[in-house]
Amino acid sequence: MDQLNTHKSESLVRFVAAECGIPQDSLGTKGRSGILKSRETRSEFLSDSDHRIRIVYTPKHCSWLNQIECWFSILSRRLLNVRSSFASIEILQQKIKRFIAYYNKHLARPFRWTKEAKTLQI
């Protein structure tokens, strides 16, 4: 996952803890103590390799991933929105393939970045 705040949320920590059999009362209090104290403590917990579920975070400002996220946002807004309904997985797959073909032929263009390279350096 990228470094988005929601990928280090209290609810994600609680979900991972539950799925890994870690008692909820051992997590502490959000903003005050324990694993839930801060984004950093939650991130450390979520990326612990001893857990059955482990989150691996990509580096900040990972531009290739940002491009993919932009494209999936377009797909979600134009095809997979709340009004979408598909009778089967096969129909969904067909519609996605048709959308990709249409997008590539009529809508595709390079994403324009507004950040300067200097600000993206780690």
PDB file of N, CA and C in Angstrom:
ATOM      1  N   MET A   1       0.843  -1.187   0.000  1.00  0.00           N
ATOM      2  CA  MET A   1       0.000   0.000   0.000  1.00  0.00           C
ATOM      3  C   MET A   1       0.881   1.240   0.000  1.00  0.00           C
ATOM      4  N   ASP A   2       0.270   2.335  -0.414  1.00  0.00           N
ATOM      5  CA  ASP A   2       1.004   3.586  -0.322  1.00  0.00           C
ATOM      6  C   ASP A   2       0.899   4.132   1.101  1.00  0.00           C
ATOM      7  N   GLN A   3       1.445   5.294   1.317  1.00  0.00           N
ATOM      8  CA  GLN A   3       1.549   5.860   2.658  1.00  0.00           C
ATOM      9  C   GLN A   3       0.314   6.668   3.079  1.00  0.00           C
ATOM     10  N   LEU A   4      -0.793   6.480   2.409  1.00  0.00           N
ATOM     11  CA  LEU A   4      -2.017   7.209   2.711  1.00  0.00           C
ATOM     12  C   LEU A   4      -2.433   6.985   4.170  1.00  0.00           C
ATOM     13  N   ASN A   5      -2.935   8.024   4.813  1.00  0.00           N
ATOM     14  CA  ASN A   5      -3.331   7.939   6.224  1.00  0.00           C
ATOM     15  C   ASN A   5      -4.313   6.810   6.505  1.00  0.00           C
ATOM     16  N   THR A   6      -5.250   6.580   5.588  1.00  0.00           N
ATOM     17  CA  THR A   6      -6.247   5.535   5.816  1.00  0.00           C
ATOM     18  C   THR A   6      -5.634   4.140   5.845  1.00  0.00           C
ATOM     19  N   HIS A   7      -4.432   3.997   5.318  1.00  0.00           N
ATOM     20  CA  HIS A   7      -3.754   2.703   5.354  1.00  0.00           C
ATOM     21  C   HIS A   7      -3.011   2.488   6.664  1.00  0.00           C
ATOM     22  N   LYS A   8      -3.202   3.405   7.607  1.00  0.00           N
ATOM     23  CA  LYS A   8      -2.612   3.289   8.942  1.00  0.00           C
ATOM     24  C   LYS A   8      -3.674   3.625   9.990  1.00  0.00           C
ATOM     25  N   SER A   9      -4.912   3.360   9.661  1.00  0.00           N
ATOM     26  CA  SER A   9      -6.043   3.771  10.494  1.00  0.00           C
ATOM     27  C   SER A   9      -6.271   2.835  11.674  1.00  0.00           C
ATOM     28  N   GLU A  10      -7.008   3.355  12.644  1.00  0.00           N
ATOM     29  CA  GLU A  10      -7.394   2.549  13.807  1.00  0.00           C
ATOM     30  C   GLU A  10      -8.210   1.336  13.363  1.00  0.00           C
ATOM     31  N   SER A  11      -9.142   1.551  12.437  1.00  0.00           N
ATOM     32  CA  SER A  11     -10.005   0.446  12.001  1.00  0.00           C
ATOM     33  C   SER A  11      -9.201  -0.652  11.302  1.00  0.00           C
ATOM     34  N   LEU A  12      -8.180  -0.271  10.534  1.00  0.00           N
ATOM     35  CA  LEU A  12      -7.343  -1.283   9.884  1.00  0.00           C
ATOM     36  C   LEU A  12      -6.535  -2.061  10.919  1.00  0.00           C
ATOM     37  N   VAL A  13      -6.006  -1.366  11.924  1.00  0.00           N
ATOM     38  CA  VAL A  13      -5.272  -2.044  13.000  1.00  0.00           C
ATOM     39  C   VAL A  13      -6.186  -3.026  13.712  1.00  0.00           C
ATOM     40  N   ARG A  14      -7.399  -2.593  14.025  1.00  0.00           N
ATOM     41  CA  ARG A  14      -8.346  -3.484  14.716  1.00  0.00           C
ATOM     42  C   ARG A  14      -8.707  -4.698  13.849  1.00  0.00           C
ATOM     43  N   PHE A  15      -8.882  -4.486  12.561  1.00  0.00           N
ATOM     44  CA  PHE A  15      -9.185  -5.597  11.652  1.00  0.00           C
ATOM     45  C   PHE A  15      -8.025  -6.598  11.623  1.00  0.00           C
ATOM     46  N   VAL A  16      -6.802  -6.101  11.430  1.00  0.00           N
ATOM     47  CA  VAL A  16      -5.632  -6.989  11.366  1.00  0.00           C
ATOM     48  C   VAL A  16      -5.463  -7.719  12.697  1.00  0.00           C
ATOM     49  N   ALA A  17      -5.628  -7.011  13.790  1.00  0.00           N
ATOM     50  CA  ALA A  17      -5.498  -7.639  15.108  1.00  0.00           C
ATOM     51  C   ALA A  17      -6.521  -8.767  15.265  1.00  0.00           C
ATOM     52  N   ALA A  18      -7.761  -8.512  14.890  1.00  0.00           N
ATOM     53  CA  ALA A  18      -8.810  -9.534  15.001  1.00  0.00           C
ATOM     54  C   ALA A  18      -8.487 -10.748  14.133  1.00  0.00           C
ATOM     55  N   GLU A  19      -8.057 -10.500  12.896  1.00  0.00           N
ATOM     56  CA  GLU A  19      -7.742 -11.599  11.981  1.00  0.00           C
ATOM     57  C   GLU A  19      -6.507 -12.390  12.429  1.00  0.00           C
ATOM     58  N   CYS A  20      -5.627 -11.747  13.177  1.00  0.00           N
ATOM     59  CA  CYS A  20      -4.404 -12.412  13.640  1.00  0.00           C
ATOM     60  C   CYS A  20      -4.549 -12.950  15.058  1.00  0.00           C
ATOM     61  N   GLY A  21      -5.739 -12.832  15.630  1.00  0.00           N
ATOM     62  CA  GLY A  21      -5.985 -13.363  16.968  1.00  0.00           C
ATOM     63  C   GLY A  21      -5.339 -12.552  18.085  1.00  0.00           C
ATOM     64  N   ILE A  22      -5.135 -11.275  17.851  1.00  0.00           N
ATOM     65  CA  ILE A  22      -4.538 -10.387  18.857  1.00  0.00           C
ATOM     66  C   ILE A  22      -5.686  -9.693  19.590  1.00  0.00           C
ATOM     67  N   PRO A  23      -5.696  -9.796  20.928  1.00  0.00           N
ATOM     68  CA  PRO A  23      -6.805  -9.205  21.696  1.00  0.00           C
ATOM     69  C   PRO A  23      -6.930  -7.695  21.485  1.00  0.00           C
ATOM     70  N   GLN A  24      -8.156  -7.222  21.298  1.00  0.00           N
ATOM     71  CA  GLN A  24      -8.426  -5.807  21.074  1.00  0.00           C
ATOM     72  C   GLN A  24      -7.986  -4.947  22.260  1.00  0.00           C
ATOM     73  N   ASP A  25      -8.100  -5.496  23.479  1.00  0.00           N
ATOM     74  CA  ASP A  25      -7.735  -4.703  24.659  1.00  0.00           C
ATOM     75  C   ASP A  25      -6.232  -4.493  24.795  1.00  0.00           C
ATOM     76  N   SER A  26      -5.428  -5.164  23.971  1.00  0.00           N
ATOM     77  CA  SER A  26      -3.974  -4.978  24.015  1.00  0.00           C
ATOM     78  C   SER A  26      -3.495  -3.888  23.047  1.00  0.00           C
ATOM     79  N   LEU A  27      -4.422  -3.262  22.333  1.00  0.00           N
ATOM     80  CA  LEU A  27      -4.045  -2.281  21.313  1.00  0.00           C
ATOM     81  C   LEU A  27      -3.832  -0.873  21.860  1.00  0.00           C
ATOM     82  N   GLY A  28      -4.336  -0.596  23.034  1.00  0.00           N
ATOM     83  CA  GLY A  28      -4.191   0.737  23.611  1.00  0.00           C
ATOM     84  C   GLY A  28      -5.332   1.651  23.200  1.00  0.00           C
ATOM     85  N   THR A  29      -5.092   2.962  23.329  1.00  0.00           N
ATOM     86  CA  THR A  29      -6.106   3.965  23.046  1.00  0.00           C
ATOM     87  C   THR A  29      -5.590   4.914  21.967  1.00  0.00           C
ATOM     88  N   LYS A  30      -6.421   5.165  20.973  1.00  0.00           N
ATOM     89  CA  LYS A  30      -6.018   6.028  19.871  1.00  0.00           C
ATOM     90  C   LYS A  30      -5.615   7.412  20.395  1.00  0.00           C
ATOM     91  N   GLY A  31      -4.427   7.842  19.965  1.00  0.00           N
ATOM     92  CA  GLY A  31      -3.934   9.150  20.353  1.00  0.00           C
ATOM     93  C   GLY A  31      -3.332   9.230  21.740  1.00  0.00           C
ATOM     94  N   ARG A  32      -3.371   8.113  22.481  1.00  0.00           N
ATOM     95  CA  ARG A  32      -2.880   8.150  23.869  1.00  0.00           C
ATOM     96  C   ARG A  32      -1.840   7.100  24.203  1.00  0.00           C
ATOM     97  N   SER A  33      -2.108   5.844  23.842  1.00  0.00           N
ATOM     98  CA  SER A  33      -1.196   4.796  24.305  1.00  0.00           C
ATOM     99  C   SER A  33      -1.191   3.579  23.382  1.00  0.00           C
ATOM    100  N   GLY A  34      -0.153   2.771  23.529  1.00  0.00           N
ATOM    101  CA  GLY A  34      -0.064   1.502  22.832  1.00  0.00           C
ATOM    102  C   GLY A  34       0.065   1.613  21.328  1.00  0.00           C
ATOM    103  N   ILE A  35      -0.358   0.551  20.668  1.00  0.00           N
ATOM    104  CA  ILE A  35      -0.263   0.451  19.209  1.00  0.00           C
ATOM    105  C   ILE A  35      -1.071   1.566  18.530  1.00  0.00           C
ATOM    106  N   LEU A  36      -2.186   1.940  19.106  1.00  0.00           N
ATOM    107  CA  LEU A  36      -3.068   2.938  18.499  1.00  0.00           C
ATOM    108  C   LEU A  36      -2.644   4.384  18.766  1.00  0.00           C
ATOM    109  N   LYS A  37      -1.557   4.579  19.484  1.00  0.00           N
ATOM    110  CA  LYS A  37      -1.153   5.930  19.896  1.00  0.00           C
ATOM    111  C   LYS A  37      -0.958   6.894  18.731  1.00  0.00           C
ATOM    112  N   SER A  38      -0.265   6.470  17.685  1.00  0.00           N
ATOM    113  CA  SER A  38       0.051   7.384  16.585  1.00  0.00           C
ATOM    114  C   SER A  38       0.058   6.628  15.258  1.00  0.00           C
ATOM    115  N   ARG A  39       0.143   7.388  14.164  1.00  0.00           N
ATOM    116  CA  ARG A  39       0.261   6.766  12.848  1.00  0.00           C
ATOM    117  C   ARG A  39       1.512   5.904  12.776  1.00  0.00           C
ATOM    118  N   GLU A  40       2.590   6.376  13.386  1.00  0.00           N
ATOM    119  CA  GLU A  40       3.850   5.629  13.355  1.00  0.00           C
ATOM    120  C   GLU A  40       3.724   4.296  14.085  1.00  0.00           C
ATOM    121  N   THR A  41       3.076   4.287  15.269  1.00  0.00           N
ATOM    122  CA  THR A  41       2.926   3.028  16.012  1.00  0.00           C
ATOM    123  C   THR A  41       1.974   2.080  15.293  1.00  0.00           C
ATOM    124  N   ARG A  42       0.939   2.645  14.666  1.00  0.00           N
ATOM    125  CA  ARG A  42       0.015   1.793  13.906  1.00  0.00           C
ATOM    126  C   ARG A  42       0.714   1.211  12.680  1.00  0.00           C
ATOM    127  N   SER A  43       1.509   2.025  11.994  1.00  0.00           N
ATOM    128  CA  SER A  43       2.258   1.554  10.824  1.00  0.00           C
ATOM    129  C   SER A  43       3.221   0.437  11.196  1.00  0.00           C
ATOM    130  N   GLU A  44       3.911   0.621  12.309  1.00  0.00           N
ATOM    131  CA  GLU A  44       4.857  -0.405  12.779  1.00  0.00           C
ATOM    132  C   GLU A  44       4.137  -1.718  13.056  1.00  0.00           C
ATOM    133  N   PHE A  45       2.974  -1.646  13.715  1.00  0.00           N
ATOM    134  CA  PHE A  45       2.177  -2.836  13.996  1.00  0.00           C
ATOM    135  C   PHE A  45       1.731  -3.512  12.703  1.00  0.00           C
ATOM    136  N   LEU A  46       1.210  -2.705  11.776  1.00  0.00           N
ATOM    137  CA  LEU A  46       0.665  -3.253  10.530  1.00  0.00           C
ATOM    138  C   LEU A  46       1.733  -3.890   9.647  1.00  0.00           C
ATOM    139  N   SER A  47       2.970  -3.430   9.742  1.00  0.00           N
ATOM    140  CA  SER A  47       4.033  -3.985   8.904  1.00  0.00           C
ATOM    141  C   SER A  47       4.877  -5.039   9.632  1.00  0.00           C
ATOM    142  N   ASP A  48       4.423  -5.492  10.790  1.00  0.00           N
ATOM    143  CA  ASP A  48       5.141  -6.515  11.562  1.00  0.00           C
ATOM    144  C   ASP A  48       5.104  -7.853  10.821  1.00  0.00           C
ATOM    145  N   SER A  49       6.263  -8.363  10.468  1.00  0.00           N
ATOM    146  CA  SER A  49       6.345  -9.607   9.679  1.00  0.00           C
ATOM    147  C   SER A  49       5.954 -10.846  10.482  1.00  0.00           C
ATOM    148  N   ASP A  50       5.791 -10.722  11.788  1.00  0.00           N
ATOM    149  CA  ASP A  50       5.360 -11.865  12.609  1.00  0.00           C
ATOM    150  C   ASP A  50       3.859 -12.103  12.521  1.00  0.00           C
ATOM    151  N   HIS A  51       3.120 -11.138  12.004  1.00  0.00           N
ATOM    152  CA  HIS A  51       1.668 -11.295  11.881  1.00  0.00           C
ATOM    153  C   HIS A  51       1.315 -12.065  10.610  1.00  0.00           C
ATOM    154  N   ARG A  52       0.185 -12.732  10.654  1.00  0.00           N
ATOM    155  CA  ARG A  52      -0.320 -13.448   9.481  1.00  0.00           C
ATOM    156  C   ARG A  52      -0.641 -12.474   8.349  1.00  0.00           C
ATOM    157  N   ILE A  53      -1.142 -11.299   8.708  1.00  0.00           N
ATOM    158  CA  ILE A  53      -1.420 -10.251   7.732  1.00  0.00           C
ATOM    159  C   ILE A  53      -0.382  -9.155   7.949  1.00  0.00           C
ATOM    160  N   ARG A  54       0.339  -8.826   6.899  1.00  0.00           N
ATOM    161  CA  ARG A  54       1.397  -7.813   6.990  1.00  0.00           C
ATOM    162  C   ARG A  54       1.230  -6.820   5.857  1.00  0.00           C
ATOM    163  N   ILE A  55       1.226  -5.540   6.200  1.00  0.00           N
ATOM    164  CA  ILE A  55       1.120  -4.487   5.205  1.00  0.00           C
ATOM    165  C   ILE A  55       2.532  -4.065   4.799  1.00  0.00           C
ATOM    166  N   VAL A  56       2.760  -3.993   3.501  1.00  0.00           N
ATOM    167  CA  VAL A  56       4.040  -3.513   2.983  1.00  0.00           C
ATOM    168  C   VAL A  56       3.758  -2.162   2.325  1.00  0.00           C
ATOM    169  N   TYR A  57       4.422  -1.129   2.818  1.00  0.00           N
ATOM    170  CA  TYR A  57       4.202   0.218   2.316  1.00  0.00           C
ATOM    171  C   TYR A  57       5.216   0.556   1.228  1.00  0.00           C
ATOM    172  N   THR A  58       4.731   1.175   0.176  1.00  0.00           N
ATOM    173  CA  THR A  58       5.622   1.643  -0.892  1.00  0.00           C
ATOM    174  C   THR A  58       6.264   2.956  -0.444  1.00  0.00           C
ATOM    175  N   PRO A  59       7.384   3.317  -1.044  1.00  0.00           N
ATOM    176  CA  PRO A  59       8.019   4.591  -0.687  1.00  0.00           C
ATOM    177  C   PRO A  59       7.093   5.772  -0.986  1.00  0.00           C
ATOM    178  N   LYS A  60       7.241   6.844  -0.208  1.00  0.00           N
ATOM    179  CA  LYS A  60       6.443   8.054  -0.462  1.00  0.00           C
ATOM    180  C   LYS A  60       6.761   8.591  -1.848  1.00  0.00           C
ATOM    181  N   HIS A  61       5.769   9.180  -2.471  1.00  0.00           N
ATOM    182  CA  HIS A  61       5.894   9.803  -3.790  1.00  0.00           C
ATOM    183  C   HIS A  61       6.328   8.803  -4.863  1.00  0.00           C
ATOM    184  N   CYS A  62       5.832   7.612  -4.786  1.00  0.00           N
ATOM    185  CA  CYS A  62       6.171   6.565  -5.756  1.00  0.00           C
ATOM    186  C   CYS A  62       5.338   6.826  -7.017  1.00  0.00           C
ATOM    187  N   SER A  63       5.886   7.592  -7.939  1.00  0.00           N
ATOM    188  CA  SER A  63       5.100   8.129  -9.047  1.00  0.00           C
ATOM    189  C   SER A  63       4.471   7.068  -9.936  1.00  0.00           C
ATOM    190  N   TRP A  64       5.114   5.929 -10.138  1.00  0.00           N
ATOM    191  CA  TRP A  64       4.498   4.910 -10.991  1.00  0.00           C
ATOM    192  C   TRP A  64       3.227   4.386 -10.356  1.00  0.00           C
ATOM    193  N   LEU A  65       3.202   4.268  -9.031  1.00  0.00           N
ATOM    194  CA  LEU A  65       2.005   3.806  -8.350  1.00  0.00           C
ATOM    195  C   LEU A  65       0.916   4.873  -8.416  1.00  0.00           C
ATOM    196  N   ASN A  66       1.286   6.131  -8.305  1.00  0.00           N
ATOM    197  CA  ASN A  66       0.309   7.212  -8.416  1.00  0.00           C
ATOM    198  C   ASN A  66      -0.392   7.178  -9.771  1.00  0.00           C
ATOM    199  N   GLN A  67       0.336   6.863 -10.831  1.00  0.00           N
ATOM    200  CA  GLN A  67      -0.273   6.781 -12.160  1.00  0.00           C
ATOM    201  C   GLN A  67      -1.304   5.659 -12.207  1.00  0.00           C
ATOM    202  N   ILE A  68      -0.982   4.541 -11.613  1.00  0.00           N
ATOM    203  CA  ILE A  68      -1.918   3.415 -11.586  1.00  0.00           C
ATOM    204  C   ILE A  68      -3.158   3.788 -10.787  1.00  0.00           C
ATOM    205  N   GLU A  69      -2.965   4.449  -9.647  1.00  0.00           N
ATOM    206  CA  GLU A  69      -4.102   4.871  -8.838  1.00  0.00           C
ATOM    207  C   GLU A  69      -4.985   5.857  -9.595  1.00  0.00           C
ATOM    208  N   CYS A  70      -4.387   6.757 -10.339  1.00  0.00           N
ATOM    209  CA  CYS A  70      -5.171   7.703 -11.156  1.00  0.00           C
ATOM    210  C   CYS A  70      -6.035   6.944 -12.155  1.00  0.00           C
ATOM    211  N   TRP A  71      -5.446   5.953 -12.813  1.00  0.00           N
ATOM    212  CA  TRP A  71      -6.186   5.204 -13.819  1.00  0.00           C
ATOM    213  C   TRP A  71      -7.318   4.400 -13.177  1.00  0.00           C
ATOM    214  N   PHE A  72      -7.060   3.766 -12.030  1.00  0.00           N
ATOM    215  CA  PHE A  72      -8.122   3.008 -11.361  1.00  0.00           C
ATOM    216  C   PHE A  72      -9.233   3.935 -10.867  1.00  0.00           C
ATOM    217  N   SER A  73      -8.887   5.151 -10.520  1.00  0.00           N
ATOM    218  CA  SER A  73      -9.899   6.129 -10.137  1.00  0.00           C
ATOM    219  C   SER A  73     -10.813   6.436 -11.329  1.00  0.00           C
ATOM    220  N   ILE A  74     -10.226   6.583 -12.492  1.00  0.00           N
ATOM    221  CA  ILE A  74     -11.012   6.823 -13.716  1.00  0.00           C
ATOM    222  C   ILE A  74     -11.931   5.630 -13.986  1.00  0.00           C
ATOM    223  N   LEU A  75     -11.383   4.430 -13.904  1.00  0.00           N
ATOM    224  CA  LEU A  75     -12.174   3.219 -14.117  1.00  0.00           C
ATOM    225  C   LEU A  75     -13.330   3.147 -13.120  1.00  0.00           C
ATOM    226  N   SER A  76     -13.044   3.447 -11.870  1.00  0.00           N
ATOM    227  CA  SER A  76     -14.078   3.387 -10.833  1.00  0.00           C
ATOM    228  C   SER A  76     -15.185   4.401 -11.073  1.00  0.00           C
ATOM    229  N   ARG A  77     -14.803   5.628 -11.402  1.00  0.00           N
ATOM    230  CA  ARG A  77     -15.805   6.681 -11.601  1.00  0.00           C
ATOM    231  C   ARG A  77     -16.643   6.451 -12.847  1.00  0.00           C
ATOM    232  N   ARG A  78     -16.035   5.946 -13.904  1.00  0.00           N
ATOM    233  CA  ARG A  78     -16.755   5.832 -15.180  1.00  0.00           C
ATOM    234  C   ARG A  78     -17.470   4.500 -15.391  1.00  0.00           C
ATOM    235  N   LEU A  79     -16.975   3.446 -14.750  1.00  0.00           N
ATOM    236  CA  LEU A  79     -17.577   2.135 -14.999  1.00  0.00           C
ATOM    237  C   LEU A  79     -18.068   1.451 -13.725  1.00  0.00           C
ATOM    238  N   LEU A  80     -17.304   1.527 -12.666  1.00  0.00           N
ATOM    239  CA  LEU A  80     -17.609   0.750 -11.456  1.00  0.00           C
ATOM    240  C   LEU A  80     -18.197   1.621 -10.357  1.00  0.00           C
ATOM    241  N   ASN A  81     -19.074   2.538 -10.706  1.00  0.00           N
ATOM    242  CA  ASN A  81     -19.648   3.433  -9.714  1.00  0.00           C
ATOM    243  C   ASN A  81     -20.813   2.784  -8.983  1.00  0.00           C
ATOM    244  N   VAL A  82     -21.418   3.509  -8.047  1.00  0.00           N
ATOM    245  CA  VAL A  82     -22.492   2.938  -7.215  1.00  0.00           C
ATOM    246  C   VAL A  82     -23.724   2.524  -8.008  1.00  0.00           C
ATOM    247  N   ARG A  83     -23.906   3.083  -9.192  1.00  0.00           N
ATOM    248  CA  ARG A  83     -25.060   2.717 -10.019  1.00  0.00           C
ATOM    249  C   ARG A  83     -24.802   1.496 -10.892  1.00  0.00           C
ATOM    250  N   SER A  84     -23.584   0.973 -10.862  1.00  0.00           N
ATOM    251  CA  SER A  84     -23.231  -0.164 -11.720  1.00  0.00           C
ATOM    252  C   SER A  84     -23.859  -1.448 -11.205  1.00  0.00           C
ATOM    253  N   SER A  85     -24.245  -2.275 -12.143  1.00  0.00           N
ATOM    254  CA  SER A  85     -24.800  -3.579 -11.806  1.00  0.00           C
ATOM    255  C   SER A  85     -24.375  -4.561 -12.897  1.00  0.00           C
ATOM    256  N   PHE A  86     -23.878  -5.717 -12.487  1.00  0.00           N
ATOM    257  CA  PHE A  86     -23.403  -6.718 -13.442  1.00  0.00           C
ATOM    258  C   PHE A  86     -24.020  -8.064 -13.085  1.00  0.00           C
ATOM    259  N   ALA A  87     -24.560  -8.730 -14.086  1.00  0.00           N
ATOM    260  CA  ALA A  87     -25.260  -9.997 -13.865  1.00  0.00           C
ATOM    261  C   ALA A  87     -24.311 -11.145 -13.539  1.00  0.00           C
ATOM    262  N   SER A  88     -23.044 -11.006 -13.934  1.00  0.00           N
ATOM    263  CA  SER A  88     -22.081 -12.074 -13.664  1.00  0.00           C
ATOM    264  C   SER A  88     -20.664 -11.521 -13.720  1.00  0.00           C
ATOM    265  N   ILE A  89     -19.729 -12.287 -13.232  1.00  0.00           N
ATOM    266  CA  ILE A  89     -18.318 -11.902 -13.284  1.00  0.00           C
ATOM    267  C   ILE A  89     -17.862 -11.810 -14.734  1.00  0.00           C
ATOM    268  N   GLU A  90     -18.356 -12.713 -15.569  1.00  0.00           N
ATOM    269  CA  GLU A  90     -17.981 -12.705 -16.980  1.00  0.00           C
ATOM    270  C   GLU A  90     -18.400 -11.403 -17.655  1.00  0.00           C
ATOM    271  N   ILE A  91     -19.609 -10.936 -17.353  1.00  0.00           N
ATOM    272  CA  ILE A  91     -20.085  -9.679 -17.934  1.00  0.00           C
ATOM    273  C   ILE A  91     -19.247  -8.508 -17.418  1.00  0.00           C
ATOM    274  N   LEU A  92     -18.925  -8.524 -16.137  1.00  0.00           N
ATOM    275  CA  LEU A  92     -18.061  -7.490 -15.569  1.00  0.00           C
ATOM    276  C   LEU A  92     -16.710  -7.475 -16.280  1.00  0.00           C
ATOM    277  N   GLN A  93     -16.123  -8.651 -16.475  1.00  0.00           N
ATOM    278  CA  GLN A  93     -14.829  -8.733 -17.165  1.00  0.00           C
ATOM    279  C   GLN A  93     -14.921  -8.184 -18.586  1.00  0.00           C
ATOM    280  N   GLN A  94     -15.985  -8.537 -19.296  1.00  0.00           N
ATOM    281  CA  GLN A  94     -16.183  -8.037 -20.665  1.00  0.00           C
ATOM    282  C   GLN A  94     -16.293  -6.518 -20.689  1.00  0.00           C
ATOM    283  N   LYS A  95     -17.072  -5.965 -19.747  1.00  0.00           N
ATOM    284  CA  LYS A  95     -17.244  -4.509 -19.705  1.00  0.00           C
ATOM    285  C   LYS A  95     -15.931  -3.801 -19.375  1.00  0.00           C
ATOM    286  N   ILE A  96     -15.145  -4.372 -18.475  1.00  0.00           N
ATOM    287  CA  ILE A  96     -13.841  -3.777 -18.154  1.00  0.00           C
ATOM    288  C   ILE A  96     -12.936  -3.811 -19.377  1.00  0.00           C
ATOM    289  N   LYS A  97     -12.912  -4.936 -20.087  1.00  0.00           N
ATOM    290  CA  LYS A  97     -12.077  -5.040 -21.295  1.00  0.00           C
ATOM    291  C   LYS A  97     -12.525  -4.046 -22.360  1.00  0.00           C
ATOM    292  N   ARG A  98     -13.836  -3.886 -22.524  1.00  0.00           N
ATOM    293  CA  ARG A  98     -14.343  -2.914 -23.495  1.00  0.00           C
ATOM    294  C   ARG A  98     -14.003  -1.485 -23.088  1.00  0.00           C
ATOM    295  N   PHE A  99     -14.105  -1.217 -21.795  1.00  0.00           N
ATOM    296  CA  PHE A  99     -13.758   0.121 -21.320  1.00  0.00           C
ATOM    297  C   PHE A  99     -12.279   0.409 -21.565  1.00  0.00           C
ATOM    298  N   ILE A 100     -11.417  -0.567 -21.289  1.00  0.00           N
ATOM    299  CA  ILE A 100      -9.976  -0.374 -21.514  1.00  0.00           C
ATOM    300  C   ILE A 100      -9.711  -0.082 -22.991  1.00  0.00           C
ATOM    301  N   ALA A 101     -10.323  -0.848 -23.872  1.00  0.00           N
ATOM    302  CA  ALA A 101     -10.127  -0.623 -25.317  1.00  0.00           C
ATOM    303  C   ALA A 101     -10.619   0.767 -25.714  1.00  0.00           C
ATOM    304  N   TYR A 102     -11.792   1.150 -25.233  1.00  0.00           N
ATOM    305  CA  TYR A 102     -12.335   2.468 -25.550  1.00  0.00           C
ATOM    306  C   TYR A 102     -11.432   3.570 -24.982  1.00  0.00           C
ATOM    307  N   TYR A 103     -11.035   3.421 -23.743  1.00  0.00           N
ATOM    308  CA  TYR A 103     -10.172   4.417 -23.094  1.00  0.00           C
ATOM    309  C   TYR A 103      -8.868   4.574 -23.869  1.00  0.00           C
ATOM    310  N   ASN A 104      -8.236   3.458 -24.213  1.00  0.00           N
ATOM    311  CA  ASN A 104      -6.959   3.525 -24.931  1.00  0.00           C
ATOM    312  C   ASN A 104      -7.100   4.193 -26.297  1.00  0.00           C
ATOM    313  N   LYS A 105      -8.231   3.970 -26.961  1.00  0.00           N
ATOM    314  CA  LYS A 105      -8.420   4.532 -28.308  1.00  0.00           C
ATOM    315  C   LYS A 105      -8.825   6.010 -28.279  1.00  0.00           C
ATOM    316  N   HIS A 106      -9.653   6.407 -27.309  1.00  0.00           N
ATOM    317  CA  HIS A 106     -10.250   7.740 -27.355  1.00  0.00           C
ATOM    318  C   HIS A 106      -9.817   8.698 -26.238  1.00  0.00           C
ATOM    319  N   LEU A 107      -9.436   8.198 -25.100  1.00  0.00           N
ATOM    320  CA  LEU A 107      -9.224   9.064 -23.939  1.00  0.00           C
ATOM    321  C   LEU A 107      -7.796   9.101 -23.401  1.00  0.00           C
ATOM    322  N   ALA A 108      -7.009   8.107 -23.729  1.00  0.00           N
ATOM    323  CA  ALA A 108      -5.673   7.994 -23.130  1.00  0.00           C
ATOM    324  C   ALA A 108      -4.785   9.170 -23.516  1.00  0.00           C
ATOM    325  N   ARG A 109      -4.129   9.695 -22.525  1.00  0.00           N
ATOM    326  CA  ARG A 109      -3.114  10.732 -22.734  1.00  0.00           C
ATOM    327  C   ARG A 109      -2.203  10.709 -21.499  1.00  0.00           C
ATOM    328  N   PRO A 110      -1.009  11.218 -21.618  1.00  0.00           N
ATOM    329  CA  PRO A 110      -0.099  11.192 -20.462  1.00  0.00           C
ATOM    330  C   PRO A 110      -0.666  11.992 -19.290  1.00  0.00           C
ATOM    331  N   PHE A 111      -0.435  11.487 -18.090  1.00  0.00           N
ATOM    332  CA  PHE A 111      -0.812  12.245 -16.902  1.00  0.00           C
ATOM    333  C   PHE A 111       0.172  13.395 -16.744  1.00  0.00           C
ATOM    334  N   ARG A 112      -0.353  14.528 -16.359  1.00  0.00           N
ATOM    335  CA  ARG A 112       0.505  15.697 -16.196  1.00  0.00           C
ATOM    336  C   ARG A 112       0.814  15.879 -14.714  1.00  0.00           C
ATOM    337  N   TRP A 113       2.086  15.846 -14.380  1.00  0.00           N
ATOM    338  CA  TRP A 113       2.520  15.956 -12.988  1.00  0.00           C
ATOM    339  C   TRP A 113       2.808  17.403 -12.643  1.00  0.00           C
ATOM    340  N   THR A 114       2.396  17.797 -11.450  1.00  0.00           N
ATOM    341  CA  THR A 114       2.607  19.175 -11.017  1.00  0.00           C
ATOM    342  C   THR A 114       3.736  19.294  -9.996  1.00  0.00           C
ATOM    343  N   LYS A 115       4.185  18.194  -9.444  1.00  0.00           N
ATOM    344  CA  LYS A 115       5.295  18.217  -8.489  1.00  0.00           C
ATOM    345  C   LYS A 115       6.606  18.290  -9.248  1.00  0.00           C
ATOM    346  N   GLU A 116       7.542  19.043  -8.686  1.00  0.00           N
ATOM    347  CA  GLU A 116       8.877  19.088  -9.263  1.00  0.00           C
ATOM    348  C   GLU A 116       9.699  17.943  -8.701  1.00  0.00           C
ATOM    349  N   ALA A 117      10.637  17.436  -9.490  1.00  0.00           N
ATOM    350  CA  ALA A 117      11.436  16.291  -9.073  1.00  0.00           C
ATOM    351  C   ALA A 117      12.141  16.537  -7.750  1.00  0.00           C
ATOM    352  N   LYS A 118      12.581  17.752  -7.511  1.00  0.00           N
ATOM    353  CA  LYS A 118      13.300  18.068  -6.283  1.00  0.00           C
ATOM    354  C   LYS A 118      12.445  17.773  -5.043  1.00  0.00           C
ATOM    355  N   THR A 119      11.138  18.049  -5.106  1.00  0.00           N
ATOM    356  CA  THR A 119      10.258  17.835  -3.966  1.00  0.00           C
ATOM    357  C   THR A 119       9.938  16.363  -3.756  1.00  0.00           C
ATOM    358  N   LEU A 120      10.156  15.530  -4.750  1.00  0.00           N
ATOM    359  CA  LEU A 120       9.835  14.098  -4.649  1.00  0.00           C
ATOM    360  C   LEU A 120      10.989  13.273  -4.112  1.00  0.00           C
ATOM    361  N   GLN A 121      12.156  13.842  -4.022  1.00  0.00           N
ATOM    362  CA  GLN A 121      13.316  13.089  -3.544  1.00  0.00           C
ATOM    363  C   GLN A 121      13.151  12.745  -2.081  1.00  0.00           C
ATOM    364  N   ILE A 122      13.532  11.519  -1.740  1.00  0.00           N
ATOM    365  CA  ILE A 122      13.414  11.042  -0.358  1.00  0.00           C
ATOM    366  C   ILE A 122      14.626  11.457   0.440  1.00  0.00           C
TER     367      ILE A 122
END
